[in-house]
Amino acid sequence: MRSLIISVVLILFSCATHVATEKSLQLQNRIAEKNFIFRAQTALPAGGQAVNLTSEYDLRIKGDSVIGFLPYFGRAFTASYNEEGGIRFTSTANEFSVQQKKKGGWEINVLPKGANDVRQLYLSVSPEGYSTLQVMLVNRQPISFQGIIM
């Protein structure tokens, strides 16, 4: 009976490992093809408390296009004429680099071209798809987001 339980546990563990490896390979392909969506779940403003996001905010990478629809919490250094608020832009990627982490996952650096206030986007992605996005802005404090890659 004990050997049967151990066998079942080993089979379940191998199935779970196979599913995790397959998900990681799909994620790797999406990142290599530059076709993925970062869905923000928590905002981490500089010098402020974490804000759980209840609406859907995201950063979309599709080929050379970068589309940002993210909230902003923090200090602005100059007055903005943007009536929409938040971080909203559509641009092309002036530079897009991906590096594999030693312990798995990826580091993605994007320099958007034509996004007036956004200077740099930095994504740190785990093999499971959990991610941290750091947004460096020209006229505002930086802000980070935690979320997942879709």
C-alpha atoms as a PDB file:
ATOM      1  CA  MET A   1       0.000   0.000   0.000  1.00  0.00           C
ATOM      2  CA  ARG A   2       2.816   2.372   0.902  1.00  0.00           C
ATOM      3  CA  SER A   3       4.609   1.728  -2.401  1.00  0.00           C
ATOM      4  CA  LEU A   4       1.355   2.463  -4.257  1.00  0.00           C
ATOM      5  CA  ILE A   5       1.050   5.845  -2.525  1.00  0.00           C
ATOM      6  CA  ILE A   6       4.690   6.660  -3.313  1.00  0.00           C
ATOM      7  CA  SER A   7       4.142   5.698  -6.962  1.00  0.00           C
ATOM      8  CA  VAL A   8       1.066   7.920  -7.242  1.00  0.00           C
ATOM      9  CA  VAL A   9       2.938  10.844  -5.673  1.00  0.00           C
ATOM     10  CA  LEU A  10       5.861  10.373  -8.097  1.00  0.00           C
ATOM     11  CA  ILE A  11       3.516  10.259 -11.089  1.00  0.00           C
ATOM     12  CA  LEU A  12       1.717  13.429  -9.970  1.00  0.00           C
ATOM     13  CA  PHE A  13       5.050  15.173  -9.378  1.00  0.00           C
ATOM     14  CA  SER A  14       6.345  14.226 -12.840  1.00  0.00           C
ATOM     15  CA  CYS A  15       3.106  15.460 -14.457  1.00  0.00           C
ATOM     16  CA  ALA A  16       3.333  18.783 -12.603  1.00  0.00           C
ATOM     17  CA  THR A  17       6.994  19.166 -13.623  1.00  0.00           C
ATOM     18  CA  HIS A  18       6.095  18.463 -17.263  1.00  0.00           C
ATOM     19  CA  VAL A  19       3.300  21.084 -17.220  1.00  0.00           C
ATOM     20  CA  ALA A  20       5.623  23.680 -15.616  1.00  0.00           C
ATOM     21  CA  THR A  21       8.336  22.992 -18.209  1.00  0.00           C
ATOM     22  CA  GLU A  22       5.836  23.280 -21.062  1.00  0.00           C
ATOM     23  CA  LYS A  23       4.521  26.589 -19.686  1.00  0.00           C
ATOM     24  CA  SER A  24       8.076  27.909 -19.368  1.00  0.00           C
ATOM     25  CA  LEU A  25       8.825  26.956 -22.991  1.00  0.00           C
ATOM     26  CA  GLN A  26       5.662  28.699 -24.209  1.00  0.00           C
ATOM     27  CA  LEU A  27       6.629  31.789 -22.232  1.00  0.00           C
ATOM     28  CA  GLN A  28      10.151  31.671 -23.652  1.00  0.00           C
ATOM     29  CA  ASN A  29       8.755  31.514 -27.204  1.00  0.00           C
ATOM     30  CA  ARG A  30       6.410  34.470 -26.589  1.00  0.00           C
ATOM     31  CA  ILE A  31       9.273  36.562 -25.218  1.00  0.00           C
ATOM     32  CA  ALA A  32      11.565  35.605 -28.110  1.00  0.00           C
ATOM     33  CA  GLU A  33       8.803  36.507 -30.618  1.00  0.00           C
ATOM     34  CA  LYS A  34       8.161  39.798 -28.758  1.00  0.00           C
ATOM     35  CA  ASN A  35       4.490  38.949 -28.429  1.00  0.00           C
ATOM     36  CA  PHE A  36       3.262  39.078 -24.836  1.00  0.00           C
ATOM     37  CA  ILE A  37       1.170  41.063 -22.379  1.00  0.00           C
ATOM     38  CA  PHE A  38       2.253  42.062 -18.869  1.00  0.00           C
ATOM     39  CA  ARG A  39      -0.881  42.309 -16.680  1.00  0.00           C
ATOM     40  CA  ALA A  40      -0.269  44.548 -13.646  1.00  0.00           C
ATOM     41  CA  GLN A  41      -1.781  43.422 -10.339  1.00  0.00           C
ATOM     42  CA  THR A  42       0.002  45.663  -7.816  1.00  0.00           C
ATOM     43  CA  ALA A  43       1.513  49.147  -8.151  1.00  0.00           C
ATOM     44  CA  LEU A  44       4.564  50.012  -6.061  1.00  0.00           C
ATOM     45  CA  PRO A  45       5.087  53.799  -6.157  1.00  0.00           C
ATOM     46  CA  ALA A  46       8.444  55.251  -5.112  1.00  0.00           C
ATOM     47  CA  GLY A  47       8.203  56.213  -1.463  1.00  0.00           C
ATOM     48  CA  GLY A  48       4.620  55.053  -1.112  1.00  0.00           C
ATOM     49  CA  GLN A  49       2.576  52.064  -0.095  1.00  0.00           C
ATOM     50  CA  ALA A  50       1.662  49.218  -2.427  1.00  0.00           C
ATOM     51  CA  VAL A  51      -1.655  49.640  -4.244  1.00  0.00           C
ATOM     52  CA  ASN A  52      -3.637  46.552  -5.273  1.00  0.00           C
ATOM     53  CA  LEU A  53      -5.103  47.178  -8.712  1.00  0.00           C
ATOM     54  CA  THR A  54      -8.730  46.220  -9.218  1.00  0.00           C
ATOM     55  CA  SER A  55      -8.966  47.236 -12.895  1.00  0.00           C
ATOM     56  CA  GLU A  56      -7.078  45.671 -15.783  1.00  0.00           C
ATOM     57  CA  TYR A  57      -3.861  47.552 -16.555  1.00  0.00           C
ATOM     58  CA  ASP A  58      -1.248  46.196 -18.900  1.00  0.00           C
ATOM     59  CA  LEU A  59       1.832  46.645 -21.049  1.00  0.00           C
ATOM     60  CA  ARG A  60       1.600  45.034 -24.471  1.00  0.00           C
ATOM     61  CA  ILE A  61       4.604  44.077 -26.582  1.00  0.00           C
ATOM     62  CA  LYS A  62       3.723  43.085 -30.150  1.00  0.00           C
ATOM     63  CA  GLY A  63       6.718  42.972 -32.466  1.00  0.00           C
ATOM     64  CA  ASP A  64       8.209  46.458 -32.412  1.00  0.00           C
ATOM     65  CA  SER A  65       5.072  48.029 -30.910  1.00  0.00           C
ATOM     66  CA  VAL A  66       4.886  48.915 -27.230  1.00  0.00           C
ATOM     67  CA  ILE A  67       1.494  49.890 -25.811  1.00  0.00           C
ATOM     68  CA  GLY A  68       1.211  51.013 -22.203  1.00  0.00           C
ATOM     69  CA  PHE A  69      -1.984  51.403 -20.198  1.00  0.00           C
ATOM     70  CA  LEU A  70      -0.847  51.702 -16.583  1.00  0.00           C
ATOM     71  CA  PRO A  71      -1.879  53.794 -13.581  1.00  0.00           C
ATOM     72  CA  TYR A  72       0.486  56.253 -11.919  1.00  0.00           C
ATOM     73  CA  PHE A  73       0.872  57.041  -8.226  1.00  0.00           C
ATOM     74  CA  GLY A  74       3.687  59.371  -7.259  1.00  0.00           C
ATOM     75  CA  ARG A  75       5.199  62.810  -7.606  1.00  0.00           C
ATOM     76  CA  ALA A  76       5.416  64.716 -10.875  1.00  0.00           C
ATOM     77  CA  PHE A  77       8.224  67.264 -11.291  1.00  0.00           C
ATOM     78  CA  THR A  78       6.461  69.302 -13.978  1.00  0.00           C
ATOM     79  CA  ALA A  79       2.807  69.913 -14.753  1.00  0.00           C
ATOM     80  CA  SER A  80       1.402  67.544 -17.350  1.00  0.00           C
ATOM     81  CA  TYR A  81      -0.979  68.501 -20.110  1.00  0.00           C
ATOM     82  CA  ASN A  82      -2.094  64.902 -20.401  1.00  0.00           C
ATOM     83  CA  GLU A  83      -5.768  64.889 -19.443  1.00  0.00           C
ATOM     84  CA  GLU A  84      -5.903  61.070 -19.210  1.00  0.00           C
ATOM     85  CA  GLY A  85      -3.523  60.652 -16.284  1.00  0.00           C
ATOM     86  CA  GLY A  86      -1.566  57.495 -15.674  1.00  0.00           C
ATOM     87  CA  ILE A  87       0.996  56.079 -18.080  1.00  0.00           C
ATOM     88  CA  ARG A  88      -0.638  55.752 -21.478  1.00  0.00           C
ATOM     89  CA  PHE A  89       1.398  55.560 -24.647  1.00  0.00           C
ATOM     90  CA  THR A  90       1.824  53.791 -27.961  1.00  0.00           C
ATOM     91  CA  SER A  91       5.298  53.684 -29.451  1.00  0.00           C
ATOM     92  CA  THR A  92       7.878  51.551 -31.162  1.00  0.00           C
ATOM     93  CA  ALA A  93      10.772  49.906 -29.351  1.00  0.00           C
ATOM     94  CA  ASN A  94      13.962  51.824 -30.053  1.00  0.00           C
ATOM     95  CA  GLU A  95      15.830  49.054 -28.266  1.00  0.00           C
ATOM     96  CA  PHE A  96      14.594  45.661 -27.035  1.00  0.00           C
ATOM     97  CA  SER A  97      17.022  43.325 -25.271  1.00  0.00           C
ATOM     98  CA  VAL A  98      16.407  40.004 -23.525  1.00  0.00           C
ATOM     99  CA  GLN A  99      18.849  38.247 -21.218  1.00  0.00           C
ATOM    100  CA  GLN A 100      18.432  34.812 -19.662  1.00  0.00           C
ATOM    101  CA  LYS A 101      18.834  34.768 -15.864  1.00  0.00           C
ATOM    102  CA  LYS A 102      21.182  32.217 -14.301  1.00  0.00           C
ATOM    103  CA  LYS A 103      18.433  30.657 -12.156  1.00  0.00           C
ATOM    104  CA  GLY A 104      15.816  30.753 -14.920  1.00  0.00           C
ATOM    105  CA  GLY A 105      13.633  33.543 -16.163  1.00  0.00           C
ATOM    106  CA  TRP A 106      14.424  36.603 -18.227  1.00  0.00           C
ATOM    107  CA  GLU A 107      15.413  40.248 -17.923  1.00  0.00           C
ATOM    108  CA  ILE A 108      13.868  42.447 -20.618  1.00  0.00           C
ATOM    109  CA  ASN A 109      14.937  46.027 -21.251  1.00  0.00           C
ATOM    110  CA  VAL A 110      12.848  48.242 -23.553  1.00  0.00           C
ATOM    111  CA  LEU A 111      13.643  51.795 -24.610  1.00  0.00           C
ATOM    112  CA  PRO A 112      10.447  53.154 -26.188  1.00  0.00           C
ATOM    113  CA  LYS A 113      10.736  55.614 -29.051  1.00  0.00           C
ATOM    114  CA  GLY A 114       8.156  58.377 -29.263  1.00  0.00           C
ATOM    115  CA  ALA A 115       6.733  57.922 -25.747  1.00  0.00           C
ATOM    116  CA  ASN A 116       7.144  61.470 -24.426  1.00  0.00           C
ATOM    117  CA  ASP A 117       7.383  60.760 -20.702  1.00  0.00           C
ATOM    118  CA  VAL A 118       8.526  57.106 -20.618  1.00  0.00           C
ATOM    119  CA  ARG A 119      12.304  56.748 -20.739  1.00  0.00           C
ATOM    120  CA  GLN A 120      12.835  53.032 -20.003  1.00  0.00           C
ATOM    121  CA  LEU A 121      10.882  49.850 -19.218  1.00  0.00           C
ATOM    122  CA  TYR A 122      12.562  47.002 -17.360  1.00  0.00           C
ATOM    123  CA  LEU A 123      10.827  43.630 -16.904  1.00  0.00           C
ATOM    124  CA  SER A 124      12.100  40.842 -14.681  1.00  0.00           C
ATOM    125  CA  VAL A 125      10.238  37.613 -15.522  1.00  0.00           C
ATOM    126  CA  SER A 126      10.306  34.314 -13.610  1.00  0.00           C
ATOM    127  CA  PRO A 127      10.012  30.955 -15.440  1.00  0.00           C
ATOM    128  CA  GLU A 128       6.396  30.743 -14.157  1.00  0.00           C
ATOM    129  CA  GLY A 129       5.503  34.128 -15.672  1.00  0.00           C
ATOM    130  CA  TYR A 130       5.439  36.215 -12.486  1.00  0.00           C
ATOM    131  CA  SER A 131       6.969  39.588 -13.278  1.00  0.00           C
ATOM    132  CA  THR A 132       8.098  42.937 -11.980  1.00  0.00           C
ATOM    133  CA  LEU A 133       7.939  45.952 -14.296  1.00  0.00           C
ATOM    134  CA  GLN A 134       9.960  49.070 -13.505  1.00  0.00           C
ATOM    135  CA  VAL A 135       8.987  52.219 -15.401  1.00  0.00           C
ATOM    136  CA  MET A 136      11.511  55.048 -15.551  1.00  0.00           C
ATOM    137  CA  LEU A 137       9.896  58.366 -16.434  1.00  0.00           C
ATOM    138  CA  VAL A 138      11.315  61.725 -17.518  1.00  0.00           C
ATOM    139  CA  ASN A 139       9.209  64.159 -15.462  1.00  0.00           C
ATOM    140  CA  ARG A 140       7.879  61.893 -12.710  1.00  0.00           C
ATOM    141  CA  GLN A 141       9.198  59.550 -10.040  1.00  0.00           C
ATOM    142  CA  PRO A 142       9.766  55.948 -11.164  1.00  0.00           C
ATOM    143  CA  ILE A 143       7.113  53.353 -10.385  1.00  0.00           C
ATOM    144  CA  SER A 144       7.136  49.551 -10.292  1.00  0.00           C
ATOM    145  CA  PHE A 145       4.394  47.012 -10.893  1.00  0.00           C
ATOM    146  CA  GLN A 146       4.047  43.363  -9.991  1.00  0.00           C
ATOM    147  CA  GLY A 147       2.002  41.068 -12.179  1.00  0.00           C
ATOM    148  CA  ILE A 148       2.058  38.189 -14.625  1.00  0.00           C
ATOM    149  CA  ILE A 149       2.886  37.618 -18.258  1.00  0.00           C
ATOM    150  CA  MET A 150      -0.169  36.549 -20.246  1.00  0.00           C
END
